[in-house]
Amino acid sequence: MSEDSLKKDSEQKAATFMGWGKLGALALAISVPIFYLNGKAYHEGYLSYLNLEPSMFPLQATEYIGETAVA
């Protein structure tokens, strides 16, 4: 193979990798708020089932995302 074809092939692979990187970043940017809302709804629903105010047991934003895994 010539040097030009190797260079062209590596540029195509880099462009494909960058495309997947952009797609992954977009998926993460869309999914994090959804995970946050899901965790917040689960936490507040669990506390309201026990007739407790959610303000009695506040969570940080990162903990709401962790609650999504429990839900």
Protein backbone atom coordinates (compact mmCIF):
# COMPACT_ATOMS: atom_id res chain seq x y z
CA MET A 1 0.00 0.00 0.00
CA SER A 2 1.16 3.46 -0.70
CA GLU A 3 1.68 6.13 1.89
CA ASP A 4 -1.24 8.18 0.53
CA SER A 5 -3.71 5.32 0.90
CA LEU A 6 -2.54 4.65 4.47
CA LYS A 7 -2.92 8.32 5.32
CA LYS A 8 -6.39 8.43 3.78
CA ASP A 9 -7.41 5.27 5.66
CA SER A 10 -6.18 6.65 8.99
CA GLU A 11 -8.02 9.94 8.35
CA GLN A 12 -11.25 8.03 7.70
CA LYS A 13 -10.82 6.05 10.93
CA ALA A 14 -10.17 9.27 12.86
CA ALA A 15 -13.28 10.88 11.37
CA THR A 16 -15.35 7.82 12.29
CA PHE A 17 -13.96 7.89 15.83
CA MET A 18 -14.77 11.60 16.14
CA GLY A 19 -18.28 10.91 14.89
CA TRP A 20 -18.78 8.27 17.57
CA GLY A 21 -17.33 10.63 20.17
CA LYS A 22 -19.80 13.35 19.25
CA LEU A 23 -22.65 10.86 19.31
CA GLY A 24 -21.58 9.59 22.73
CA ALA A 25 -21.34 13.13 24.11
CA LEU A 26 -24.80 13.92 22.78
CA ALA A 27 -26.26 10.75 24.29
CA LEU A 28 -24.68 11.59 27.65
CA ALA A 29 -25.95 15.17 27.53
CA ILE A 30 -29.48 13.94 26.86
CA SER A 31 -29.50 11.04 29.34
CA VAL A 32 -28.10 12.80 32.44
CA PRO A 33 -31.13 15.11 32.97
CA ILE A 34 -33.44 12.14 32.40
CA PHE A 35 -31.54 10.11 35.02
CA TYR A 36 -31.71 13.08 37.40
CA LEU A 37 -35.47 13.46 37.03
CA ASN A 38 -36.01 9.72 37.37
CA GLY A 39 -33.96 9.58 40.58
CA LYS A 40 -35.69 12.65 42.01
CA ALA A 41 -39.13 11.21 41.26
CA TYR A 42 -38.18 7.88 42.84
CA HIS A 43 -36.78 9.54 45.98
CA GLU A 44 -39.76 11.84 46.43
CA GLY A 45 -42.23 9.05 45.68
CA TYR A 46 -40.62 6.74 48.21
CA LEU A 47 -40.72 9.42 50.90
CA SER A 48 -44.30 10.40 50.12
CA TYR A 49 -45.31 6.73 50.42
CA LEU A 50 -43.97 6.88 53.98
CA ASN A 51 -45.83 10.20 54.52
CA LEU A 52 -42.56 12.13 54.89
CA GLU A 53 -41.65 15.45 53.34
CA PRO A 54 -38.82 15.25 50.78
CA SER A 55 -37.28 18.35 52.38
CA MET A 56 -36.58 16.27 55.49
CA PHE A 57 -34.10 14.13 53.54
CA PRO A 58 -32.53 16.31 50.83
CA LEU A 59 -30.11 14.76 48.36
CA GLN A 60 -27.37 16.29 46.24
CA ALA A 61 -27.80 16.25 42.47
CA THR A 62 -25.30 13.42 42.04
CA GLU A 63 -27.17 11.31 44.59
CA TYR A 64 -30.38 11.64 42.57
CA ILE A 65 -28.57 10.13 39.61
CA GLY A 66 -27.48 7.26 41.87
CA GLU A 67 -31.10 6.72 42.90
CA THR A 68 -31.86 5.96 39.26
CA ALA A 69 -29.85 2.77 39.58
CA VAL A 70 -31.95 1.76 42.61
CA ALA A 71 -35.18 2.56 40.82
